[in-house]
Amino acid sequence: MTSLVQGLVAAVLKRPWRATAFVRQLLRPVPDAAPVTLTQRRIYVLPTRSGLTFAFLLMLMLLGSINYGNSMGFVLTFLLASLALVSILHTWRNLARLTVRAGHSEPVFAGQHARIEVCLDNALGLARYAIGLRAAGVAGDVVDVPPHAGACPGVAVPAHTRGRMAVPSFTLATTFPLGLFRAWTHLDLAMHCLVYPQPSADTRPLPASPDDQGTGSQRGEGQEDFAGLRTWRAGESLRQVAWKAVAREQGMLAKQFAGEAQQAVWLDWHGLAGLDSEARLSRLTRWVLDADAAGVRYGLRLPACTLPPGTGEVQRRRCLEALAMFEP
């Protein structure tokens, strides 16, 4: 024993940088480069509480068989023990050679739960069963992965503050097939999720358009009389699409109406004097959602950028992203 300790000390003194790298890896683990293939060095196996109880019962059965000289008791005891030992291999193999990569995560508002997905690719002809995902102390989905296929389990992680939220490291685990042993792996794929500011509860109306004081006599695109068809622009509502023209293979066309010109509403950061930065972002987020729901053309003015007026899902996403990534 003394010689073994001396040998370890000598190895550390001979290559001190290896010991330093090992300690640094323990204290500040480096994110894994995705995708990650689970090999034997990444998978850990330990008995579960049921497995420890099962081992205790096997010991009692063995002591009883020895005490009474019961040959059938020996057979049953060693048969059950062999089944438990074989299950270790099956539990480990249920994760082995799986490829893990980052999945999709939809943006959410602060205060909600972000659903983080991790994709599992099974390139072998062996089905995998009951693989569970866990992150930040929260249990996620439990999935089966068919042969030569994939699955994407997810977990809901609380999103407290706006911005680009770093997704915490996660654990993949399984107790298949008998539940006596637990195989798991711990990974950090450096995933991120975008968190929008929390919308304000204040329901005050949208700011007035600069042209609301005029006569409104300008003509343009409105919602009154049908005036013809035009090319559909990305980001516009699908309700404006002329589906009959699409069915006749005339291309993606939109209905055009003649009526009062729709004036753009500007959501201006400087128009909310007296509020702190987060309160302004919360109010602007509420206005973006209200303007999008009402179908109003709106633009966004922030100290660092200006987004021109527009409508549709693209405009909504661009404005919310700008608000989420705003830096005072």
C-alpha atoms as a PDB file:
ATOM      1  CA  MET A   1       0.000   0.000   0.000  1.00  0.00           C
ATOM      2  CA  THR A   2       2.847   2.350   0.874  1.00  0.00           C
ATOM      3  CA  SER A   3       4.560   1.661  -2.430  1.00  0.00           C
ATOM      4  CA  LEU A   4       1.331   2.395  -4.314  1.00  0.00           C
ATOM      5  CA  VAL A   5       0.936   5.777  -2.621  1.00  0.00           C
ATOM      6  CA  GLN A   6       4.588   6.582  -3.278  1.00  0.00           C
ATOM      7  CA  GLY A   7       4.138   5.681  -6.925  1.00  0.00           C
ATOM      8  CA  LEU A   8       1.105   7.998  -7.256  1.00  0.00           C
ATOM      9  CA  VAL A   9       2.979  10.865  -5.600  1.00  0.00           C
ATOM     10  CA  ALA A  10       5.962  10.316  -7.878  1.00  0.00           C
ATOM     11  CA  ALA A  11       3.700  10.311 -10.950  1.00  0.00           C
ATOM     12  CA  VAL A  12       2.081  13.586  -9.892  1.00  0.00           C
ATOM     13  CA  LEU A  13       5.454  15.220  -9.235  1.00  0.00           C
ATOM     14  CA  LYS A  14       6.758  13.990 -12.572  1.00  0.00           C
ATOM     15  CA  ARG A  15       3.761  15.409 -14.546  1.00  0.00           C
ATOM     16  CA  PRO A  16       2.206  18.121 -12.369  1.00  0.00           C
ATOM     17  CA  TRP A  17       0.224  19.651 -15.251  1.00  0.00           C
ATOM     18  CA  ARG A  18      -1.924  16.518 -15.459  1.00  0.00           C
ATOM     19  CA  ALA A  19      -2.947  16.823 -11.824  1.00  0.00           C
ATOM     20  CA  THR A  20      -3.691  20.521 -12.315  1.00  0.00           C
ATOM     21  CA  ALA A  21      -5.843  19.799 -15.371  1.00  0.00           C
ATOM     22  CA  PHE A  22      -7.717  17.086 -13.468  1.00  0.00           C
ATOM     23  CA  VAL A  23      -8.502  19.436 -10.564  1.00  0.00           C
ATOM     24  CA  ARG A  24      -9.568  22.202 -12.983  1.00  0.00           C
ATOM     25  CA  GLN A  25     -11.888  19.766 -14.757  1.00  0.00           C
ATOM     26  CA  LEU A  26     -13.527  18.863 -11.455  1.00  0.00           C
ATOM     27  CA  LEU A  27     -14.006  22.454 -10.311  1.00  0.00           C
ATOM     28  CA  ARG A  28     -14.881  24.046 -13.674  1.00  0.00           C
ATOM     29  CA  PRO A  29     -15.921  21.380 -16.185  1.00  0.00           C
ATOM     30  CA  VAL A  30     -15.551  22.313 -19.832  1.00  0.00           C
ATOM     31  CA  PRO A  31     -18.749  22.009 -21.926  1.00  0.00           C
ATOM     32  CA  ASP A  32     -18.835  18.984 -24.173  1.00  0.00           C
ATOM     33  CA  ALA A  33     -18.449  19.452 -27.904  1.00  0.00           C
ATOM     34  CA  ALA A  34     -21.746  18.297 -29.419  1.00  0.00           C
ATOM     35  CA  PRO A  35     -22.646  15.764 -30.620  1.00  0.00           C
ATOM     36  CA  VAL A  36     -21.445  13.349 -27.927  1.00  0.00           C
ATOM     37  CA  THR A  37     -21.324   9.578 -28.349  1.00  0.00           C
ATOM     38  CA  LEU A  38     -21.682   7.755 -25.040  1.00  0.00           C
ATOM     39  CA  THR A  39     -18.771   5.403 -24.528  1.00  0.00           C
ATOM     40  CA  GLN A  40     -17.817   3.275 -21.529  1.00  0.00           C
ATOM     41  CA  ARG A  41     -15.903   6.173 -19.970  1.00  0.00           C
ATOM     42  CA  ARG A  42     -18.996   8.379 -19.880  1.00  0.00           C
ATOM     43  CA  ILE A  43     -21.498   5.900 -18.409  1.00  0.00           C
ATOM     44  CA  TYR A  44     -21.639   5.142 -14.682  1.00  0.00           C
ATOM     45  CA  VAL A  45     -23.548   2.292 -13.052  1.00  0.00           C
ATOM     46  CA  LEU A  46     -24.552   1.930  -9.402  1.00  0.00           C
ATOM     47  CA  PRO A  47     -27.233  -0.116  -7.631  1.00  0.00           C
ATOM     48  CA  THR A  48     -30.550   1.522  -6.911  1.00  0.00           C
ATOM     49  CA  ARG A  49     -32.381   1.354  -3.588  1.00  0.00           C
ATOM     50  CA  SER A  50     -34.280  -1.634  -4.940  1.00  0.00           C
ATOM     51  CA  GLY A  51     -30.974  -3.212  -5.963  1.00  0.00           C
ATOM     52  CA  LEU A  52     -29.537  -2.817  -2.458  1.00  0.00           C
ATOM     53  CA  THR A  53     -32.697  -4.338  -0.970  1.00  0.00           C
ATOM     54  CA  PHE A  54     -32.452  -7.210  -3.449  1.00  0.00           C
ATOM     55  CA  ALA A  55     -28.812  -7.816  -2.476  1.00  0.00           C
ATOM     56  CA  PHE A  56     -29.769  -7.867   1.212  1.00  0.00           C
ATOM     57  CA  LEU A  57     -32.471 -10.462   0.539  1.00  0.00           C
ATOM     58  CA  LEU A  58     -29.987 -12.591  -1.413  1.00  0.00           C
ATOM     59  CA  MET A  59     -27.675 -12.533   1.598  1.00  0.00           C
ATOM     60  CA  LEU A  60     -30.496 -13.702   3.840  1.00  0.00           C
ATOM     61  CA  MET A  61     -31.371 -16.465   1.389  1.00  0.00           C
ATOM     62  CA  LEU A  62     -27.721 -17.545   1.239  1.00  0.00           C
ATOM     63  CA  LEU A  63     -27.422 -17.636   5.042  1.00  0.00           C
ATOM     64  CA  GLY A  64     -30.654 -19.620   5.295  1.00  0.00           C
ATOM     65  CA  SER A  65     -29.500 -22.108   2.665  1.00  0.00           C
ATOM     66  CA  ILE A  66     -26.169 -22.583   4.469  1.00  0.00           C
ATOM     67  CA  ASN A  67     -27.858 -22.956   7.859  1.00  0.00           C
ATOM     68  CA  TYR A  68     -30.362 -25.574   6.691  1.00  0.00           C
ATOM     69  CA  GLY A  69     -28.202 -27.176   3.992  1.00  0.00           C
ATOM     70  CA  ASN A  70     -30.953 -26.639   1.415  1.00  0.00           C
ATOM     71  CA  SER A  71     -29.612 -27.332  -2.063  1.00  0.00           C
ATOM     72  CA  MET A  72     -32.669 -25.853  -3.776  1.00  0.00           C
ATOM     73  CA  GLY A  73     -32.141 -22.674  -1.760  1.00  0.00           C
ATOM     74  CA  PHE A  74     -28.582 -22.471  -3.117  1.00  0.00           C
ATOM     75  CA  VAL A  75     -29.876 -22.929  -6.679  1.00  0.00           C
ATOM     76  CA  LEU A  76     -32.488 -20.192  -6.322  1.00  0.00           C
ATOM     77  CA  THR A  77     -30.069 -17.817  -4.603  1.00  0.00           C
ATOM     78  CA  PHE A  78     -27.341 -18.137  -7.231  1.00  0.00           C
ATOM     79  CA  LEU A  79     -29.891 -18.031 -10.062  1.00  0.00           C
ATOM     80  CA  LEU A  80     -31.267 -14.709  -8.837  1.00  0.00           C
ATOM     81  CA  ALA A  81     -27.749 -13.380  -8.248  1.00  0.00           C
ATOM     82  CA  SER A  82     -26.739 -14.287 -11.803  1.00  0.00           C
ATOM     83  CA  LEU A  83     -29.804 -12.523 -13.186  1.00  0.00           C
ATOM     84  CA  ALA A  84     -28.861  -9.382 -11.247  1.00  0.00           C
ATOM     85  CA  LEU A  85     -25.286  -9.499 -12.537  1.00  0.00           C
ATOM     86  CA  VAL A  86     -26.434  -9.940 -16.138  1.00  0.00           C
ATOM     87  CA  SER A  87     -28.834  -6.998 -15.744  1.00  0.00           C
ATOM     88  CA  ILE A  88     -25.814  -4.736 -15.090  1.00  0.00           C
ATOM     89  CA  LEU A  89     -24.662  -5.292 -18.674  1.00  0.00           C
ATOM     90  CA  HIS A  90     -28.133  -4.650 -20.098  1.00  0.00           C
ATOM     91  CA  THR A  91     -28.547  -1.470 -18.053  1.00  0.00           C
ATOM     92  CA  TRP A  92     -25.194  -0.154 -19.256  1.00  0.00           C
ATOM     93  CA  ARG A  93     -25.878  -1.197 -22.858  1.00  0.00           C
ATOM     94  CA  ASN A  94     -29.165   0.718 -22.808  1.00  0.00           C
ATOM     95  CA  LEU A  95     -27.133   3.966 -22.969  1.00  0.00           C
ATOM     96  CA  ALA A  96     -23.959   2.797 -24.687  1.00  0.00           C
ATOM     97  CA  ARG A  97     -23.277   4.141 -28.200  1.00  0.00           C
ATOM     98  CA  LEU A  98     -26.132   6.627 -28.114  1.00  0.00           C
ATOM     99  CA  THR A  99     -25.335   9.959 -29.771  1.00  0.00           C
ATOM    100  CA  VAL A 100     -26.536  13.005 -27.843  1.00  0.00           C
ATOM    101  CA  ARG A 101     -26.944  16.431 -29.444  1.00  0.00           C
ATOM    102  CA  ALA A 102     -28.637  19.682 -28.569  1.00  0.00           C
ATOM    103  CA  GLY A 103     -32.290  19.942 -29.531  1.00  0.00           C
ATOM    104  CA  HIS A 104     -34.625  22.859 -30.148  1.00  0.00           C
ATOM    105  CA  SER A 105     -35.698  25.324 -27.485  1.00  0.00           C
ATOM    106  CA  GLU A 106     -38.495  27.833 -28.091  1.00  0.00           C
ATOM    107  CA  PRO A 107     -38.125  31.363 -26.669  1.00  0.00           C
ATOM    108  CA  VAL A 108     -40.236  32.086 -23.599  1.00  0.00           C
ATOM    109  CA  PHE A 109     -41.107  35.084 -21.455  1.00  0.00           C
ATOM    110  CA  ALA A 110     -39.407  35.693 -18.121  1.00  0.00           C
ATOM    111  CA  GLY A 111     -41.248  33.906 -15.334  1.00  0.00           C
ATOM    112  CA  GLN A 112     -42.258  30.991 -17.559  1.00  0.00           C
ATOM    113  CA  HIS A 113     -40.638  27.569 -17.985  1.00  0.00           C
ATOM    114  CA  ALA A 114     -38.421  26.992 -21.001  1.00  0.00           C
ATOM    115  CA  ARG A 115     -38.709  23.554 -22.550  1.00  0.00           C
ATOM    116  CA  ILE A 116     -35.232  22.278 -23.366  1.00  0.00           C
ATOM    117  CA  GLU A 117     -34.918  19.330 -25.726  1.00  0.00           C
ATOM    118  CA  VAL A 118     -32.036  16.894 -26.114  1.00  0.00           C
ATOM    119  CA  CYS A 119     -31.971  14.625 -29.171  1.00  0.00           C
ATOM    120  CA  LEU A 120     -30.863  10.989 -28.870  1.00  0.00           C
ATOM    121  CA  ASP A 121     -29.769   9.191 -32.046  1.00  0.00           C
ATOM    122  CA  ASN A 122     -29.601   5.403 -32.033  1.00  0.00           C
ATOM    123  CA  ALA A 123     -27.432   4.199 -34.919  1.00  0.00           C
ATOM    124  CA  LEU A 124     -27.483   0.548 -33.790  1.00  0.00           C
ATOM    125  CA  GLY A 125     -30.120  -2.115 -34.310  1.00  0.00           C
ATOM    126  CA  LEU A 126     -30.758  -2.313 -30.567  1.00  0.00           C
ATOM    127  CA  ALA A 127     -33.848  -0.676 -29.097  1.00  0.00           C
ATOM    128  CA  ARG A 128     -33.365   1.495 -25.997  1.00  0.00           C
ATOM    129  CA  TYR A 129     -36.033   1.749 -23.328  1.00  0.00           C
ATOM    130  CA  ALA A 130     -37.039   4.090 -20.488  1.00  0.00           C
ATOM    131  CA  ILE A 131     -34.310   6.734 -20.802  1.00  0.00           C
ATOM    132  CA  GLY A 132     -35.065   9.722 -18.593  1.00  0.00           C
ATOM    133  CA  LEU A 133     -33.827  13.310 -18.779  1.00  0.00           C
ATOM    134  CA  ARG A 134     -33.176  15.499 -15.737  1.00  0.00           C
ATOM    135  CA  ALA A 135     -31.836  19.066 -15.489  1.00  0.00           C
ATOM    136  CA  ALA A 136     -31.628  21.665 -12.710  1.00  0.00           C
ATOM    137  CA  GLY A 137     -33.202  19.215 -10.283  1.00  0.00           C
ATOM    138  CA  VAL A 138     -36.301  18.844 -12.490  1.00  0.00           C
ATOM    139  CA  ALA A 139     -37.335  15.504 -13.979  1.00  0.00           C
ATOM    140  CA  GLY A 140     -38.185  15.556 -17.673  1.00  0.00           C
ATOM    141  CA  ASP A 141     -39.509  13.114 -20.242  1.00  0.00           C
ATOM    142  CA  VAL A 142     -38.840   9.380 -20.281  1.00  0.00           C
ATOM    143  CA  VAL A 143     -38.541   8.033 -23.832  1.00  0.00           C
ATOM    144  CA  ASP A 144     -37.864   4.867 -25.794  1.00  0.00           C
ATOM    145  CA  VAL A 145     -35.488   5.046 -28.761  1.00  0.00           C
ATOM    146  CA  PRO A 146     -36.248   2.558 -31.574  1.00  0.00           C
ATOM    147  CA  PRO A 147     -33.439   0.941 -33.583  1.00  0.00           C
ATOM    148  CA  HIS A 148     -31.891   3.189 -36.264  1.00  0.00           C
ATOM    149  CA  ALA A 149     -34.072   6.091 -35.108  1.00  0.00           C
ATOM    150  CA  GLY A 150     -34.072   8.933 -32.642  1.00  0.00           C
ATOM    151  CA  ALA A 151     -36.067  10.626 -29.906  1.00  0.00           C
ATOM    152  CA  CYS A 152     -36.021  14.073 -28.327  1.00  0.00           C
ATOM    153  CA  PRO A 153     -36.908  14.122 -24.627  1.00  0.00           C
ATOM    154  CA  GLY A 154     -37.476  17.499 -23.028  1.00  0.00           C
ATOM    155  CA  VAL A 155     -37.451  19.104 -19.612  1.00  0.00           C
ATOM    156  CA  ALA A 156     -39.065  22.342 -18.384  1.00  0.00           C
ATOM    157  CA  VAL A 157     -36.482  24.654 -16.795  1.00  0.00           C
ATOM    158  CA  PRO A 158     -37.590  27.859 -15.026  1.00  0.00           C
ATOM    159  CA  ALA A 159     -36.547  31.075 -16.806  1.00  0.00           C
ATOM    160  CA  HIS A 160     -36.240  33.873 -14.270  1.00  0.00           C
ATOM    161  CA  THR A 161     -34.529  36.725 -16.137  1.00  0.00           C
ATOM    162  CA  ARG A 162     -34.569  37.991 -19.704  1.00  0.00           C
ATOM    163  CA  GLY A 163     -31.693  37.510 -22.108  1.00  0.00           C
ATOM    164  CA  ARG A 164     -29.825  34.492 -23.364  1.00  0.00           C
ATOM    165  CA  MET A 165     -30.224  31.894 -20.642  1.00  0.00           C
ATOM    166  CA  ALA A 166     -27.508  29.248 -20.366  1.00  0.00           C
ATOM    167  CA  VAL A 167     -29.149  25.841 -20.073  1.00  0.00           C
ATOM    168  CA  PRO A 168     -27.739  23.927 -17.087  1.00  0.00           C
ATOM    169  CA  SER A 169     -26.005  20.600 -17.490  1.00  0.00           C
ATOM    170  CA  PHE A 170     -28.305  17.603 -17.608  1.00  0.00           C
ATOM    171  CA  THR A 171     -28.361  13.899 -16.776  1.00  0.00           C
ATOM    172  CA  LEU A 172     -29.542  10.965 -18.875  1.00  0.00           C
ATOM    173  CA  ALA A 173     -30.368   7.902 -16.796  1.00  0.00           C
ATOM    174  CA  THR A 174     -32.027   4.501 -17.096  1.00  0.00           C
ATOM    175  CA  THR A 175     -32.853   1.592 -14.783  1.00  0.00           C
ATOM    176  CA  PHE A 176     -33.878  -0.805 -17.557  1.00  0.00           C
ATOM    177  CA  PRO A 177     -34.507  -3.752 -17.448  1.00  0.00           C
ATOM    178  CA  LEU A 178     -35.027  -4.781 -13.800  1.00  0.00           C
ATOM    179  CA  GLY A 179     -34.639  -1.519 -11.906  1.00  0.00           C
ATOM    180  CA  LEU A 180     -31.852  -2.985  -9.762  1.00  0.00           C
ATOM    181  CA  PHE A 181     -29.096  -0.789 -11.234  1.00  0.00           C
ATOM    182  CA  ARG A 182     -29.019   2.770 -12.523  1.00  0.00           C
ATOM    183  CA  ALA A 183     -26.836   3.790 -15.452  1.00  0.00           C
ATOM    184  CA  TRP A 184     -26.388   7.497 -16.062  1.00  0.00           C
ATOM    185  CA  THR A 185     -24.263  10.080 -17.810  1.00  0.00           C
ATOM    186  CA  HIS A 186     -23.802  13.782 -17.061  1.00  0.00           C
ATOM    187  CA  LEU A 187     -23.412  16.168 -20.005  1.00  0.00           C
ATOM    188  CA  ASP A 188     -23.106  19.882 -20.677  1.00  0.00           C
ATOM    189  CA  LEU A 189     -23.695  20.825 -24.317  1.00  0.00           C
ATOM    190  CA  ALA A 190     -23.510  24.605 -23.724  1.00  0.00           C
ATOM    191  CA  MET A 191     -27.087  25.123 -24.911  1.00  0.00           C
ATOM    192  CA  HIS A 192     -28.895  28.469 -24.672  1.00  0.00           C
ATOM    193  CA  CYS A 193     -32.486  29.636 -24.667  1.00  0.00           C
ATOM    194  CA  LEU A 194     -33.754  33.131 -25.429  1.00  0.00           C
ATOM    195  CA  VAL A 195     -35.917  34.658 -22.687  1.00  0.00           C
ATOM    196  CA  TYR A 196     -38.108  37.654 -23.567  1.00  0.00           C
ATOM    197  CA  PRO A 197     -38.922  40.345 -20.975  1.00  0.00           C
ATOM    198  CA  GLN A 198     -41.998  39.674 -18.895  1.00  0.00           C
ATOM    199  CA  PRO A 199     -44.987  41.576 -20.379  1.00  0.00           C
ATOM    200  CA  SER A 200     -46.332  44.341 -18.203  1.00  0.00           C
ATOM    201  CA  ALA A 201     -49.687  43.814 -16.505  1.00  0.00           C
ATOM    202  CA  ASP A 202     -50.587  47.417 -17.357  1.00  0.00           C
ATOM    203  CA  THR A 203     -53.241  47.361 -20.086  1.00  0.00           C
ATOM    204  CA  ARG A 204     -52.948  50.999 -21.177  1.00  0.00           C
ATOM    205  CA  PRO A 205     -53.557  51.439 -24.938  1.00  0.00           C
ATOM    206  CA  LEU A 206     -50.910  51.665 -27.611  1.00  0.00           C
ATOM    207  CA  PRO A 207     -49.245  55.057 -28.114  1.00  0.00           C
ATOM    208  CA  ALA A 208     -50.950  57.319 -30.632  1.00  0.00           C
ATOM    209  CA  SER A 209     -49.687  57.401 -34.191  1.00  0.00           C
ATOM    210  CA  PRO A 210     -47.974  60.662 -35.238  1.00  0.00           C
ATOM    211  CA  ASP A 211     -50.564  61.024 -38.003  1.00  0.00           C
ATOM    212  CA  ASP A 212     -53.619  60.449 -35.833  1.00  0.00           C
ATOM    213  CA  GLN A 213     -54.147  64.223 -35.676  1.00  0.00           C
ATOM    214  CA  GLY A 214     -54.573  64.519 -39.431  1.00  0.00           C
ATOM    215  CA  THR A 215     -57.577  64.042 -41.667  1.00  0.00           C
ATOM    216  CA  GLY A 216     -56.744  60.494 -42.602  1.00  0.00           C
ATOM    217  CA  SER A 217     -57.363  61.249 -46.260  1.00  0.00           C
ATOM    218  CA  GLN A 218     -54.344  59.344 -47.519  1.00  0.00           C
ATOM    219  CA  ARG A 219     -55.087  56.280 -49.590  1.00  0.00           C
ATOM    220  CA  GLY A 220     -53.215  53.018 -49.369  1.00  0.00           C
ATOM    221  CA  GLU A 221     -53.642  49.464 -48.230  1.00  0.00           C
ATOM    222  CA  GLY A 222     -56.669  49.065 -45.982  1.00  0.00           C
ATOM    223  CA  GLN A 223     -59.304  46.469 -45.204  1.00  0.00           C
ATOM    224  CA  GLU A 224     -62.364  47.855 -47.043  1.00  0.00           C
ATOM    225  CA  ASP A 225     -62.767  47.193 -50.805  1.00  0.00           C
ATOM    226  CA  PHE A 226     -60.967  44.442 -52.720  1.00  0.00           C
ATOM    227  CA  ALA A 227     -58.534  46.035 -55.197  1.00  0.00           C
ATOM    228  CA  GLY A 228     -56.688  43.056 -56.668  1.00  0.00           C
ATOM    229  CA  LEU A 229     -53.818  40.686 -55.970  1.00  0.00           C
ATOM    230  CA  ARG A 230     -50.165  41.303 -55.276  1.00  0.00           C
ATOM    231  CA  THR A 231     -47.130  39.215 -54.336  1.00  0.00           C
ATOM    232  CA  TRP A 232     -47.289  37.919 -50.791  1.00  0.00           C
ATOM    233  CA  ARG A 233     -44.489  39.232 -48.557  1.00  0.00           C
ATOM    234  CA  ALA A 234     -42.811  37.065 -45.928  1.00  0.00           C
ATOM    235  CA  GLY A 235     -44.043  37.861 -42.435  1.00  0.00           C
ATOM    236  CA  GLU A 236     -47.569  38.887 -43.491  1.00  0.00           C
ATOM    237  CA  SER A 237     -50.603  37.184 -42.029  1.00  0.00           C
ATOM    238  CA  LEU A 238     -51.726  34.025 -43.803  1.00  0.00           C
ATOM    239  CA  ARG A 239     -55.278  35.361 -43.712  1.00  0.00           C
ATOM    240  CA  GLN A 240     -54.323  37.711 -46.552  1.00  0.00           C
ATOM    241  CA  VAL A 241     -53.194  34.871 -48.835  1.00  0.00           C
ATOM    242  CA  ALA A 242     -55.368  34.298 -51.901  1.00  0.00           C
ATOM    243  CA  TRP A 243     -55.672  30.553 -51.497  1.00  0.00           C
ATOM    244  CA  LYS A 244     -57.739  30.117 -54.670  1.00  0.00           C
ATOM    245  CA  ALA A 245     -54.886  31.599 -56.683  1.00  0.00           C
ATOM    246  CA  VAL A 246     -52.437  29.325 -54.892  1.00  0.00           C
ATOM    247  CA  ALA A 247     -54.623  26.319 -55.770  1.00  0.00           C
ATOM    248  CA  ARG A 248     -54.504  27.389 -59.430  1.00  0.00           C
ATOM    249  CA  GLU A 249     -50.682  27.326 -59.168  1.00  0.00           C
ATOM    250  CA  GLN A 250     -50.401  31.095 -59.731  1.00  0.00           C
ATOM    251  CA  GLY A 251     -47.897  31.465 -56.929  1.00  0.00           C
ATOM    252  CA  MET A 252     -48.115  32.912 -53.430  1.00  0.00           C
ATOM    253  CA  LEU A 253     -50.385  35.933 -53.852  1.00  0.00           C
ATOM    254  CA  ALA A 254     -52.033  38.184 -51.273  1.00  0.00           C
ATOM    255  CA  LYS A 255     -55.324  40.049 -51.435  1.00  0.00           C
ATOM    256  CA  GLN A 256     -54.996  43.816 -51.724  1.00  0.00           C
ATOM    257  CA  PHE A 257     -57.689  46.172 -50.447  1.00  0.00           C
ATOM    258  CA  ALA A 258     -58.283  49.854 -51.053  1.00  0.00           C
ATOM    259  CA  GLY A 259     -59.184  51.994 -48.077  1.00  0.00           C
ATOM    260  CA  GLU A 260     -57.774  54.307 -45.506  1.00  0.00           C
ATOM    261  CA  ALA A 261     -54.004  54.120 -45.160  1.00  0.00           C
ATOM    262  CA  GLN A 262     -52.907  52.325 -42.031  1.00  0.00           C
ATOM    263  CA  GLN A 263     -50.575  54.565 -40.045  1.00  0.00           C
ATOM    264  CA  ALA A 264     -47.604  52.984 -38.280  1.00  0.00           C
ATOM    265  CA  VAL A 265     -47.414  53.061 -34.493  1.00  0.00           C
ATOM    266  CA  TRP A 266     -43.977  53.684 -33.008  1.00  0.00           C
ATOM    267  CA  LEU A 267     -43.107  51.989 -29.740  1.00  0.00           C
ATOM    268  CA  ASP A 268     -40.503  54.394 -28.434  1.00  0.00           C
ATOM    269  CA  TRP A 269     -38.118  53.781 -25.517  1.00  0.00           C
ATOM    270  CA  HIS A 270     -37.792  57.523 -24.914  1.00  0.00           C
ATOM    271  CA  GLY A 271     -41.552  57.916 -24.645  1.00  0.00           C
ATOM    272  CA  LEU A 272     -41.548  56.063 -21.306  1.00  0.00           C
ATOM    273  CA  ALA A 273     -39.650  58.574 -19.213  1.00  0.00           C
ATOM    274  CA  GLY A 274     -39.901  58.047 -15.476  1.00  0.00           C
ATOM    275  CA  LEU A 275     -39.623  54.231 -15.628  1.00  0.00           C
ATOM    276  CA  ASP A 276     -36.504  52.182 -15.016  1.00  0.00           C
ATOM    277  CA  SER A 277     -34.985  50.057 -17.765  1.00  0.00           C
ATOM    278  CA  GLU A 278     -36.718  46.780 -16.915  1.00  0.00           C
ATOM    279  CA  ALA A 279     -40.089  48.495 -16.492  1.00  0.00           C
ATOM    280  CA  ARG A 280     -39.700  50.109 -19.916  1.00  0.00           C
ATOM    281  CA  LEU A 281     -38.804  46.782 -21.508  1.00  0.00           C
ATOM    282  CA  SER A 282     -41.806  45.166 -19.842  1.00  0.00           C
ATOM    283  CA  ARG A 283     -44.152  47.895 -21.114  1.00  0.00           C
ATOM    284  CA  LEU A 284     -42.715  47.734 -24.654  1.00  0.00           C
ATOM    285  CA  THR A 285     -43.114  43.949 -24.649  1.00  0.00           C
ATOM    286  CA  ARG A 286     -46.781  44.332 -23.742  1.00  0.00           C
ATOM    287  CA  TRP A 287     -47.277  46.848 -26.548  1.00  0.00           C
ATOM    288  CA  VAL A 288     -45.561  44.560 -29.078  1.00  0.00           C
ATOM    289  CA  LEU A 289     -47.947  41.747 -28.172  1.00  0.00           C
ATOM    290  CA  ASP A 290     -50.989  44.025 -28.266  1.00  0.00           C
ATOM    291  CA  ALA A 291     -50.019  45.551 -31.619  1.00  0.00           C
ATOM    292  CA  ASP A 292     -49.391  42.122 -33.116  1.00  0.00           C
ATOM    293  CA  ALA A 293     -52.752  40.827 -31.860  1.00  0.00           C
ATOM    294  CA  ALA A 294     -54.542  43.856 -33.313  1.00  0.00           C
ATOM    295  CA  GLY A 295     -52.789  43.578 -36.684  1.00  0.00           C
ATOM    296  CA  VAL A 296     -51.377  47.105 -36.403  1.00  0.00           C
ATOM    297  CA  ARG A 297     -48.212  48.123 -38.252  1.00  0.00           C
ATOM    298  CA  TYR A 298     -45.668  49.048 -35.604  1.00  0.00           C
ATOM    299  CA  GLY A 299     -42.004  49.890 -35.271  1.00  0.00           C
ATOM    300  CA  LEU A 300     -39.646  49.836 -32.302  1.00  0.00           C
ATOM    301  CA  ARG A 301     -37.175  52.534 -31.242  1.00  0.00           C
ATOM    302  CA  LEU A 302     -34.461  51.628 -28.741  1.00  0.00           C
ATOM    303  CA  PRO A 303     -31.344  53.634 -27.820  1.00  0.00           C
ATOM    304  CA  ALA A 304     -29.094  51.244 -29.753  1.00  0.00           C
ATOM    305  CA  CYS A 305     -31.311  50.282 -32.686  1.00  0.00           C
ATOM    306  CA  THR A 306     -34.479  51.090 -34.598  1.00  0.00           C
ATOM    307  CA  LEU A 307     -36.697  48.451 -36.214  1.00  0.00           C
ATOM    308  CA  PRO A 308     -38.838  49.766 -39.097  1.00  0.00           C
ATOM    309  CA  PRO A 309     -42.616  49.286 -39.011  1.00  0.00           C
ATOM    310  CA  GLY A 310     -44.067  45.964 -40.039  1.00  0.00           C
ATOM    311  CA  THR A 311     -46.557  43.275 -39.145  1.00  0.00           C
ATOM    312  CA  GLY A 312     -46.654  39.534 -38.778  1.00  0.00           C
ATOM    313  CA  GLU A 313     -44.714  36.884 -36.941  1.00  0.00           C
ATOM    314  CA  VAL A 314     -41.318  38.003 -38.277  1.00  0.00           C
ATOM    315  CA  GLN A 315     -41.803  41.548 -36.978  1.00  0.00           C
ATOM    316  CA  ARG A 316     -43.019  40.266 -33.614  1.00  0.00           C
ATOM    317  CA  ARG A 317     -40.012  37.969 -33.214  1.00  0.00           C
ATOM    318  CA  ARG A 318     -37.500  40.651 -34.233  1.00  0.00           C
ATOM    319  CA  CYS A 319     -38.899  43.151 -31.741  1.00  0.00           C
ATOM    320  CA  LEU A 320     -39.038  40.668 -28.887  1.00  0.00           C
ATOM    321  CA  GLU A 321     -35.476  39.523 -29.584  1.00  0.00           C
ATOM    322  CA  ALA A 322     -34.263  43.141 -29.555  1.00  0.00           C
ATOM    323  CA  LEU A 323     -35.999  43.708 -26.203  1.00  0.00           C
ATOM    324  CA  ALA A 324     -34.595  40.480 -24.752  1.00  0.00           C
ATOM    325  CA  MET A 325     -31.002  41.295 -25.711  1.00  0.00           C
ATOM    326  CA  PHE A 326     -31.182  44.991 -24.773  1.00  0.00           C
ATOM    327  CA  GLU A 327     -28.237  46.203 -22.700  1.00  0.00           C
ATOM    328  CA  PRO A 328     -28.694  49.494 -20.798  1.00  0.00           C
END
